[in-house]
C-alpha atoms as a PDB file:
ATOM      1  CA  MET A   1       6.044  -7.423 -19.624  1.00  0.00           C
ATOM      2  CA  ARG A   2       6.636  -4.556 -17.224  1.00  0.00           C
ATOM      3  CA  GLN A   3       4.211  -4.387 -14.324  1.00  0.00           C
ATOM      4  CA  PRO A   4       2.641  -1.110 -13.192  1.00  0.00           C
ATOM      5  CA  THR A   5       2.675  -0.090  -9.539  1.00  0.00           C
ATOM      6  CA  PHE A   6      -0.329   0.590  -7.311  1.00  0.00           C
ATOM      7  CA  TYR A   7      -1.288   2.488  -4.205  1.00  0.00           C
ATOM      8  CA  ILE A   8      -4.405   0.845  -2.822  1.00  0.00           C
ATOM      9  CA  PRO A   9      -6.680   1.328   0.194  1.00  0.00           C
ATOM     10  CA  HIS A  10      -6.612  -1.654   2.553  1.00  0.00           C
ATOM     11  CA  GLY A  11      -9.857  -0.801   4.322  1.00  0.00           C
ATOM     12  CA  GLY A  12     -10.520  -0.876   8.032  1.00  0.00           C
ATOM     13  CA  GLY A  13      -9.286  -3.962   9.840  1.00  0.00           C
ATOM     14  CA  PRO A  14     -10.877  -7.121   8.364  1.00  0.00           C
ATOM     15  CA  CYS A  15     -13.776  -5.082   6.964  1.00  0.00           C
ATOM     16  CA  PHE A  16     -14.275  -7.113   3.779  1.00  0.00           C
ATOM     17  CA  PHE A  17     -14.869 -10.293   5.767  1.00  0.00           C
ATOM     18  CA  MET A  18     -17.564  -9.007   8.106  1.00  0.00           C
ATOM     19  CA  ASP A  19     -21.242  -8.228   7.796  1.00  0.00           C
ATOM     20  CA  ASP A  20     -21.661  -4.860   6.065  1.00  0.00           C
ATOM     21  CA  PRO A  21     -25.405  -4.116   6.016  1.00  0.00           C
ATOM     22  CA  LYS A  22     -24.929  -0.470   5.005  1.00  0.00           C
ATOM     23  CA  GLY A  23     -22.545  -1.336   2.163  1.00  0.00           C
ATOM     24  CA  VAL A  24     -19.773   0.870   3.523  1.00  0.00           C
ATOM     25  CA  TRP A  25     -17.022  -1.271   2.038  1.00  0.00           C
ATOM     26  CA  THR A  26     -18.807  -2.587  -1.069  1.00  0.00           C
ATOM     27  CA  GLY A  27     -17.195  -0.210  -3.549  1.00  0.00           C
ATOM     28  CA  MET A  28     -13.700  -0.621  -2.179  1.00  0.00           C
ATOM     29  CA  GLU A  29     -14.050  -4.397  -2.144  1.00  0.00           C
ATOM     30  CA  ALA A  30     -15.212  -4.373  -5.770  1.00  0.00           C
ATOM     31  CA  PHE A  31     -12.242  -2.202  -6.738  1.00  0.00           C
ATOM     32  CA  LEU A  32      -9.789  -4.605  -5.121  1.00  0.00           C
ATOM     33  CA  ARG A  33     -11.499  -7.655  -6.562  1.00  0.00           C
ATOM     34  CA  ASP A  34     -11.337  -6.236 -10.092  1.00  0.00           C
ATOM     35  CA  LEU A  35      -7.754  -5.012  -9.865  1.00  0.00           C
ATOM     36  CA  PRO A  36      -6.008  -8.106 -11.330  1.00  0.00           C
ATOM     37  CA  ALA A  37      -8.127  -7.857 -14.481  1.00  0.00           C
ATOM     38  CA  THR A  38      -6.459  -4.514 -15.240  1.00  0.00           C
ATOM     39  CA  LEU A  39      -3.054  -6.181 -15.560  1.00  0.00           C
ATOM     40  CA  ALA A  40      -1.769  -7.319 -18.947  1.00  0.00           C
ATOM     41  CA  ASP A  41       0.050 -10.228 -17.312  1.00  0.00           C
ATOM     42  CA  LYS A  42      -0.323 -12.068 -14.049  1.00  0.00           C
ATOM     43  CA  PRO A  43       2.503 -10.944 -11.741  1.00  0.00           C
ATOM     44  CA  ARG A  44       5.293 -13.370 -10.944  1.00  0.00           C
ATOM     45  CA  ALA A  45       5.259 -12.045  -7.393  1.00  0.00           C
ATOM     46  CA  ILE A  46       3.936  -9.144  -5.332  1.00  0.00           C
ATOM     47  CA  LEU A  47       6.140  -6.786  -3.320  1.00  0.00           C
ATOM     48  CA  ILE A  48       3.828  -4.885  -0.994  1.00  0.00           C
ATOM     49  CA  VAL A  49       4.525  -2.075   1.468  1.00  0.00           C
ATOM     50  CA  SER A  50       2.249  -1.723   4.477  1.00  0.00           C
ATOM     51  CA  GLY A  51       1.768   1.196   6.823  1.00  0.00           C
ATOM     52  CA  HIS A  52       1.726  -1.332   9.666  1.00  0.00           C
ATOM     53  CA  TRP A  53       5.396  -2.342   9.705  1.00  0.00           C
ATOM     54  CA  GLU A  54       8.074   0.175  10.688  1.00  0.00           C
ATOM     55  CA  THR A  55      11.741  -0.706  11.202  1.00  0.00           C
ATOM     56  CA  ARG A  56      15.115   0.939  11.391  1.00  0.00           C
ATOM     57  CA  GLY A  57      16.020   0.898   7.723  1.00  0.00           C
ATOM     58  CA  PHE A  58      13.998  -1.183   5.272  1.00  0.00           C
ATOM     59  CA  ARG A  59      13.217  -4.857   5.822  1.00  0.00           C
ATOM     60  CA  PHE A  60      11.685  -7.558   3.632  1.00  0.00           C
ATOM     61  CA  THR A  61       9.882 -10.713   4.675  1.00  0.00           C
ATOM     62  CA  GLY A  62      12.043 -13.704   3.801  1.00  0.00           C
ATOM     63  CA  ASN A  63       9.778 -16.412   5.214  1.00  0.00           C
ATOM     64  CA  ALA A  64       8.931 -19.018   2.571  1.00  0.00           C
ATOM     65  CA  ARG A  65       5.575 -19.617   4.311  1.00  0.00           C
ATOM     66  CA  PRO A  66       4.746 -16.301   5.980  1.00  0.00           C
ATOM     67  CA  PRO A  67       2.247 -16.496   8.846  1.00  0.00           C
ATOM     68  CA  LEU A  68      -0.464 -13.886   9.325  1.00  0.00           C
ATOM     69  CA  ILE A  69      -0.271 -11.153  11.948  1.00  0.00           C
ATOM     70  CA  PHE A  70      -3.721 -10.263  13.267  1.00  0.00           C
ATOM     71  CA  ASP A  71      -2.857  -6.726  14.278  1.00  0.00           C
ATOM     72  CA  TYR A  72      -6.430  -5.496  14.678  1.00  0.00           C
ATOM     73  CA  TYR A  73      -8.495  -5.466  17.822  1.00  0.00           C
ATOM     74  CA  ASN A  74     -12.081  -5.981  19.040  1.00  0.00           C
ATOM     75  CA  PHE A  75     -13.380  -7.542  15.844  1.00  0.00           C
ATOM     76  CA  PRO A  76     -15.589 -10.661  15.582  1.00  0.00           C
ATOM     77  CA  PRO A  77     -13.860 -13.942  16.517  1.00  0.00           C
ATOM     78  CA  HIS A  78     -14.084 -15.387  13.009  1.00  0.00           C
ATOM     79  CA  THR A  79     -11.879 -12.583  11.657  1.00  0.00           C
ATOM     80  CA  TYR A  80      -8.990 -14.021  13.665  1.00  0.00           C
ATOM     81  CA  GLN A  81      -9.385 -17.322  11.828  1.00  0.00           C
ATOM     82  CA  LEU A  82      -8.837 -15.884   8.342  1.00  0.00           C
ATOM     83  CA  THR A  83      -6.253 -17.621   6.208  1.00  0.00           C
ATOM     84  CA  TYR A  84      -4.103 -16.470   3.318  1.00  0.00           C
ATOM     85  CA  PRO A  85      -1.588 -19.190   2.413  1.00  0.00           C
ATOM     86  CA  ALA A  86       0.271 -17.302  -0.316  1.00  0.00           C
ATOM     87  CA  PRO A  87       3.895 -18.451  -0.443  1.00  0.00           C
ATOM     88  CA  GLY A  88       6.724 -16.109   0.343  1.00  0.00           C
ATOM     89  CA  ASP A  89       9.642 -15.558  -2.004  1.00  0.00           C
ATOM     90  CA  PRO A  90      12.981 -15.512  -0.166  1.00  0.00           C
ATOM     91  CA  ASP A  91      14.853 -14.933  -3.428  1.00  0.00           C
ATOM     92  CA  LEU A  92      12.782 -11.839  -4.188  1.00  0.00           C
ATOM     93  CA  ALA A  93      13.298 -10.578  -0.634  1.00  0.00           C
ATOM     94  CA  ALA A  94      17.053 -10.942  -1.060  1.00  0.00           C
ATOM     95  CA  ARG A  95      16.933  -9.306  -4.498  1.00  0.00           C
ATOM     96  CA  ALA A  96      14.950  -6.325  -3.182  1.00  0.00           C
ATOM     97  CA  ALA A  97      17.225  -5.889  -0.170  1.00  0.00           C
ATOM     98  CA  GLY A  98      20.219  -6.090  -2.507  1.00  0.00           C
ATOM     99  CA  LEU A  99      18.855  -3.362  -4.770  1.00  0.00           C
ATOM    100  CA  LEU A 100      18.335  -1.046  -1.813  1.00  0.00           C
ATOM    101  CA  SER A 101      21.723  -1.843  -0.288  1.00  0.00           C
ATOM    102  CA  ALA A 102      23.437  -1.143  -3.615  1.00  0.00           C
ATOM    103  CA  ALA A 103      21.704   2.239  -3.691  1.00  0.00           C
ATOM    104  CA  GLY A 104      23.017   3.100  -0.220  1.00  0.00           C
ATOM    105  CA  PHE A 105      19.981   2.238   1.906  1.00  0.00           C
ATOM    106  CA  ASP A 106      19.963   0.228   5.115  1.00  0.00           C
ATOM    107  CA  ALA A 107      18.126  -2.904   3.972  1.00  0.00           C
ATOM    108  CA  ALA A 108      17.945  -6.530   5.063  1.00  0.00           C
ATOM    109  CA  VAL A 109      15.762  -9.635   5.014  1.00  0.00           C
ATOM    110  CA  ASP A 110      13.714 -10.619   8.068  1.00  0.00           C
ATOM    111  CA  PRO A 111      13.334 -14.425   7.853  1.00  0.00           C
ATOM    112  CA  GLU A 112      10.646 -14.674  10.548  1.00  0.00           C
ATOM    113  CA  ARG A 113       8.209 -11.806  10.001  1.00  0.00           C
ATOM    114  CA  GLY A 114       4.703 -12.571   8.736  1.00  0.00           C
ATOM    115  CA  LEU A 115       2.132 -10.546   6.795  1.00  0.00           C
ATOM    116  CA  ASP A 116       0.093  -7.948   8.685  1.00  0.00           C
ATOM    117  CA  HIS A 117      -3.513  -7.059   7.970  1.00  0.00           C
ATOM    118  CA  GLY A 118      -2.527  -4.161   5.728  1.00  0.00           C
ATOM    119  CA  VAL A 119      -1.261  -6.872   3.384  1.00  0.00           C
ATOM    120  CA  PHE A 120      -3.337 -10.010   3.744  1.00  0.00           C
ATOM    121  CA  VAL A 121      -6.747  -8.319   3.974  1.00  0.00           C
ATOM    122  CA  PRO A 122      -6.626  -6.508   0.593  1.00  0.00           C
ATOM    123  CA  LEU A 123      -4.724  -9.334  -1.110  1.00  0.00           C
ATOM    124  CA  LYS A 124      -7.262 -11.890   0.066  1.00  0.00           C
ATOM    125  CA  VAL A 125      -9.822  -9.868  -1.899  1.00  0.00           C
ATOM    126  CA  ALA A 126      -7.685  -9.080  -4.948  1.00  0.00           C
ATOM    127  CA  PHE A 127      -5.828 -12.401  -5.267  1.00  0.00           C
ATOM    128  CA  PRO A 128      -8.080 -14.859  -3.437  1.00  0.00           C
ATOM    129  CA  ASP A 129      -6.372 -17.962  -4.825  1.00  0.00           C
ATOM    130  CA  ALA A 130      -3.220 -17.011  -2.878  1.00  0.00           C
ATOM    131  CA  ASP A 131      -1.124 -18.403  -5.723  1.00  0.00           C
ATOM    132  CA  VAL A 132       1.131 -15.368  -6.254  1.00  0.00           C
ATOM    133  CA  PRO A 133       4.177 -15.196  -3.943  1.00  0.00           C
ATOM    134  CA  VAL A 134       4.130 -12.221  -1.566  1.00  0.00           C
ATOM    135  CA  VAL A 135       6.976 -10.286   0.036  1.00  0.00           C
ATOM    136  CA  GLU A 136       6.190  -7.470   2.459  1.00  0.00           C
ATOM    137  CA  MET A 137       8.433  -4.415   2.763  1.00  0.00           C
ATOM    138  CA  SER A 138       8.631  -2.246   5.860  1.00  0.00           C
ATOM    139  CA  LEU A 139       8.759   1.512   6.157  1.00  0.00           C
ATOM    140  CA  ASP A 140      11.841   3.132   7.627  1.00  0.00           C
ATOM    141  CA  LYS A 141      10.694   4.367  11.033  1.00  0.00           C
ATOM    142  CA  ASP A 142      11.947   7.915  10.399  1.00  0.00           C
ATOM    143  CA  LEU A 143       9.054   8.235   7.916  1.00  0.00           C
ATOM    144  CA  ASP A 144      11.122  10.503   5.681  1.00  0.00           C
ATOM    145  CA  PRO A 145       9.090  10.873   2.466  1.00  0.00           C
ATOM    146  CA  ALA A 146      12.146  11.540   0.279  1.00  0.00           C
ATOM    147  CA  LEU A 147      13.902   8.453   1.632  1.00  0.00           C
ATOM    148  CA  VAL A 148      10.838   6.301   1.064  1.00  0.00           C
ATOM    149  CA  PHE A 149      10.211   7.703  -2.429  1.00  0.00           C
ATOM    150  CA  ASP A 150      13.815   7.048  -3.414  1.00  0.00           C
ATOM    151  CA  SER A 151      13.642   3.506  -2.074  1.00  0.00           C
ATOM    152  CA  GLY A 152      10.877   2.941  -4.590  1.00  0.00           C
ATOM    153  CA  ALA A 153      13.098   4.246  -7.375  1.00  0.00           C
ATOM    154  CA  ALA A 154      15.785   1.745  -6.382  1.00  0.00           C
ATOM    155  CA  LEU A 155      13.243  -1.074  -6.626  1.00  0.00           C
ATOM    156  CA  ALA A 156      12.057  -0.091 -10.119  1.00  0.00           C
ATOM    157  CA  PRO A 157      14.036  -2.869 -11.915  1.00  0.00           C
ATOM    158  CA  LEU A 158      11.764  -5.435 -10.275  1.00  0.00           C
ATOM    159  CA  ARG A 159       8.900  -4.256 -12.465  1.00  0.00           C
ATOM    160  CA  ASP A 160      10.665  -5.671 -15.523  1.00  0.00           C
ATOM    161  CA  GLU A 161      11.082  -8.961 -13.670  1.00  0.00           C
ATOM    162  CA  GLY A 162       7.338  -9.490 -13.362  1.00  0.00           C
ATOM    163  CA  VAL A 163       7.008  -8.123  -9.837  1.00  0.00           C
ATOM    164  CA  LEU A 164       3.952  -6.064  -8.968  1.00  0.00           C
ATOM    165  CA  ILE A 165       4.903  -3.307  -6.501  1.00  0.00           C
ATOM    166  CA  VAL A 166       2.005  -2.254  -4.277  1.00  0.00           C
ATOM    167  CA  GLY A 167       1.687   0.349  -1.563  1.00  0.00           C
ATOM    168  CA  ALA A 168      -1.163  -0.455   0.827  1.00  0.00           C
ATOM    169  CA  GLY A 169      -2.522   2.265   3.088  1.00  0.00           C
ATOM    170  CA  MET A 170      -5.349   4.790   3.170  1.00  0.00           C
ATOM    171  CA  SER A 171      -5.227   8.172   1.444  1.00  0.00           C
ATOM    172  CA  PHE A 172      -7.139   9.648   4.399  1.00  0.00           C
ATOM    173  CA  HIS A 173      -6.310   8.311   7.841  1.00  0.00           C
ATOM    174  CA  ASP A 174      -7.589  10.426  10.692  1.00  0.00           C
ATOM    175  CA  LEU A 175      -9.343   7.738  12.693  1.00  0.00           C
ATOM    176  CA  ARG A 176     -11.093  10.321  14.878  1.00  0.00           C
ATOM    177  CA  LEU A 177     -12.890  11.833  11.875  1.00  0.00           C
ATOM    178  CA  TYR A 178     -14.042   8.713  10.048  1.00  0.00           C
ATOM    179  CA  GLY A 179     -17.813   8.691   9.992  1.00  0.00           C
ATOM    180  CA  ARG A 180     -18.088  12.355  10.928  1.00  0.00           C
ATOM    181  CA  ALA A 181     -19.137  15.248   8.697  1.00  0.00           C
ATOM    182  CA  GLN A 182     -15.951  17.099   9.690  1.00  0.00           C
ATOM    183  CA  ALA A 183     -14.042  14.714   7.414  1.00  0.00           C
ATOM    184  CA  ASN A 184     -15.823  15.834   4.252  1.00  0.00           C
ATOM    185  CA  ASP A 185     -14.095  19.059   3.295  1.00  0.00           C
ATOM    186  CA  PRO A 186     -10.518  18.389   4.447  1.00  0.00           C
ATOM    187  CA  SER A 187     -10.445  14.907   2.927  1.00  0.00           C
ATOM    188  CA  LYS A 188     -11.688  16.305  -0.404  1.00  0.00           C
ATOM    189  CA  GLN A 189      -9.114  19.107  -0.341  1.00  0.00           C
ATOM    190  CA  PHE A 190      -6.258  16.713   0.295  1.00  0.00           C
ATOM    191  CA  ASP A 191      -7.586  14.152  -2.156  1.00  0.00           C
ATOM    192  CA  ASP A 192      -7.826  16.701  -4.957  1.00  0.00           C
ATOM    193  CA  TRP A 193      -4.240  17.735  -4.299  1.00  0.00           C
ATOM    194  CA  LEU A 194      -3.051  14.123  -4.196  1.00  0.00           C
ATOM    195  CA  VAL A 195      -4.643  13.292  -7.549  1.00  0.00           C
ATOM    196  CA  GLU A 196      -2.931  16.284  -9.146  1.00  0.00           C
ATOM    197  CA  ALA A 197       0.428  15.605  -7.488  1.00  0.00           C
ATOM    198  CA  ALA A 198       0.439  11.971  -8.578  1.00  0.00           C
ATOM    199  CA  ALA A 199      -0.252  12.666 -12.236  1.00  0.00           C
ATOM    200  CA  ASP A 200       2.864  14.341 -13.641  1.00  0.00           C
ATOM    201  CA  PRO A 201       6.030  12.206 -13.447  1.00  0.00           C
ATOM    202  CA  ALA A 202       8.225  15.268 -13.964  1.00  0.00           C
ATOM    203  CA  GLU A 203       6.904  16.999 -10.852  1.00  0.00           C
ATOM    204  CA  ARG A 204       5.766  14.033  -8.793  1.00  0.00           C
ATOM    205  CA  ARG A 205       8.753  13.552  -6.514  1.00  0.00           C
ATOM    206  CA  ALA A 206       9.078  17.248  -5.673  1.00  0.00           C
ATOM    207  CA  ARG A 207       5.405  17.524  -4.847  1.00  0.00           C
ATOM    208  CA  LEU A 208       4.912  14.294  -2.957  1.00  0.00           C
ATOM    209  CA  ILE A 209       7.912  14.668  -0.669  1.00  0.00           C
ATOM    210  CA  GLU A 210       6.442  18.036   0.391  1.00  0.00           C
ATOM    211  CA  TRP A 211       3.049  16.461   1.000  1.00  0.00           C
ATOM    212  CA  SER A 212       2.710  17.999   4.471  1.00  0.00           C
ATOM    213  CA  ARG A 213       2.325  21.433   2.855  1.00  0.00           C
ATOM    214  CA  ALA A 214      -0.716  20.320   0.896  1.00  0.00           C
ATOM    215  CA  PRO A 215      -4.207  21.577   1.801  1.00  0.00           C
ATOM    216  CA  ALA A 216      -5.513  19.832   4.943  1.00  0.00           C
ATOM    217  CA  ALA A 217      -2.498  17.516   4.901  1.00  0.00           C
ATOM    218  CA  ARG A 218      -2.175  17.074   8.649  1.00  0.00           C
ATOM    219  CA  ILE A 219      -5.891  16.603   9.018  1.00  0.00           C
ATOM    220  CA  ALA A 220      -5.816  13.840   6.430  1.00  0.00           C
ATOM    221  CA  HIS A 221      -2.716  12.304   7.992  1.00  0.00           C
ATOM    222  CA  PRO A 222      -1.941  13.240  11.599  1.00  0.00           C
ATOM    223  CA  ARG A 223       0.787  10.618  11.195  1.00  0.00           C
ATOM    224  CA  GLU A 224       1.950   9.715   7.709  1.00  0.00           C
ATOM    225  CA  GLU A 225       2.510   5.954   7.849  1.00  0.00           C
ATOM    226  CA  HIS A 226      -0.606   5.215   5.778  1.00  0.00           C
ATOM    227  CA  LEU A 227       0.380   7.677   3.046  1.00  0.00           C
ATOM    228  CA  LEU A 228       4.048   6.743   2.650  1.00  0.00           C
ATOM    229  CA  PRO A 229       3.387   3.392   0.928  1.00  0.00           C
ATOM    230  CA  MET A 230       2.249   5.567  -1.967  1.00  0.00           C
ATOM    231  CA  MET A 231       5.760   7.022  -2.138  1.00  0.00           C
ATOM    232  CA  VAL A 232       7.232   3.598  -2.875  1.00  0.00           C
ATOM    233  CA  ALA A 233       4.742   2.943  -5.659  1.00  0.00           C
ATOM    234  CA  ALA A 234       5.263   6.418  -7.129  1.00  0.00           C
ATOM    235  CA  GLY A 235       9.028   6.251  -6.791  1.00  0.00           C
ATOM    236  CA  ALA A 236       9.213   2.973  -8.695  1.00  0.00           C
ATOM    237  CA  ALA A 237       7.320   4.474 -11.639  1.00  0.00           C
ATOM    238  CA  SER A 238       8.332   6.765 -14.473  1.00  0.00           C
ATOM    239  CA  GLY A 239       4.975   7.209 -16.194  1.00  0.00           C
ATOM    240  CA  VAL A 240       1.699   8.913 -15.479  1.00  0.00           C
ATOM    241  CA  GLY A 241      -0.062   8.406 -12.156  1.00  0.00           C
ATOM    242  CA  THR A 242      -3.788   7.847 -12.551  1.00  0.00           C
ATOM    243  CA  GLN A 243      -6.549   7.806  -9.956  1.00  0.00           C
ATOM    244  CA  ILE A 244      -8.245   4.451 -10.507  1.00  0.00           C
ATOM    245  CA  TYR A 245     -10.449   4.457  -7.413  1.00  0.00           C
ATOM    246  CA  GLY A 246     -12.242   7.324  -5.758  1.00  0.00           C
ATOM    247  CA  GLU A 247     -15.079   7.075  -3.280  1.00  0.00           C
ATOM    248  CA  ARG A 248     -16.423   8.694  -0.150  1.00  0.00           C
ATOM    249  CA  VAL A 249     -16.099   6.143   2.635  1.00  0.00           C
ATOM    250  CA  LEU A 250     -17.222   6.956   6.169  1.00  0.00           C
ATOM    251  CA  GLU A 251     -17.548  10.622   5.129  1.00  0.00           C
ATOM    252  CA  ALA A 252     -13.964  10.765   3.799  1.00  0.00           C
ATOM    253  CA  SER A 253     -12.677  10.938   0.227  1.00  0.00           C
ATOM    254  CA  ILE A 254     -10.489   7.887  -0.400  1.00  0.00           C
ATOM    255  CA  SER A 255      -8.422   7.242  -3.538  1.00  0.00           C
ATOM    256  CA  GLY A 256      -6.349   4.532  -5.179  1.00  0.00           C
ATOM    257  CA  PHE A 257      -3.723   5.034  -7.871  1.00  0.00           C
ATOM    258  CA  ARG A 258      -1.942   3.255 -10.704  1.00  0.00           C
ATOM    259  CA  PHE A 259       1.511   4.357 -11.836  1.00  0.00           C
ATOM    260  CA  ASP A 260       2.966   3.323 -15.187  1.00  0.00           C
END
C-alpha cells in the first residue's frame, strides 16, 4: 500500500533522551512515538531528509550499517553514547539516486556517510526497535526551494514501493528566539501560513517555493535548511497536506505535517 509522507520536528539536539523536568519536549516526543500507529502498513524502509546534511547536488547514504554522527555540542556525556542500529539499504539509496538522476538532478550514493542527529534522534523515538532500514538524503547546498520540492516529486514512485519519505527539521528555527516571548507572534504568523500553504495540492508548490514571502518568514527561518525537508515530503505527495502536530515549544509555534 502507498505510504504517506511526513514533515516532522526533530527537537533540539538529543532532547528526548535527557531529563526534562518542565516537560518541554513531552508533547513532541508523544507525537513521534505515536506516529507509526497512524500508518496502514509498516514501511519497508524509511528515506529521511535532514536539515543537517548539505552537499553539492543530492546524496544518499549507501552504508549497509550506518554509524551515528553526534553533531550536537555541550550536552550530557550519556547523549554521546546513544545507539540506533537500524540497517541501511544500499539498494534503496541506489534506486533513489537513480530516480533523481533520470529526472536531471545531480545525485549519487555516499557509501561512508552515517546518520546525523536530525535523523537518529526522532527515529529512535518513533521506531525504537530500529528494525526498519534507513537511508538519509542530503539537501542541495544551494537551498533552492523549487529544486528541493521537485526532487521530492521525482522520488514519489518510492511511496508505492513501501518507502516512507520523511522530512526532518523544525518549522520554526531561529535559535536566538527560542524560549523568548519575541518568538510568540512571528512563529504563529508563519505557522498559520504554513498550515494553509501545505493543505491544497493544486497550489502547494507555487506557495511553498515562495515561502520567504510569507508573514515573518525570515524570522522563523533566518536560514532555511530546517524548512526545506518539508519541500521533499510535499513534493513527493499529490494529496492533501494535513497538520498532524501543533504545539508551542519554547515560546514558538511548531508544526508537523502528513501528506497523502
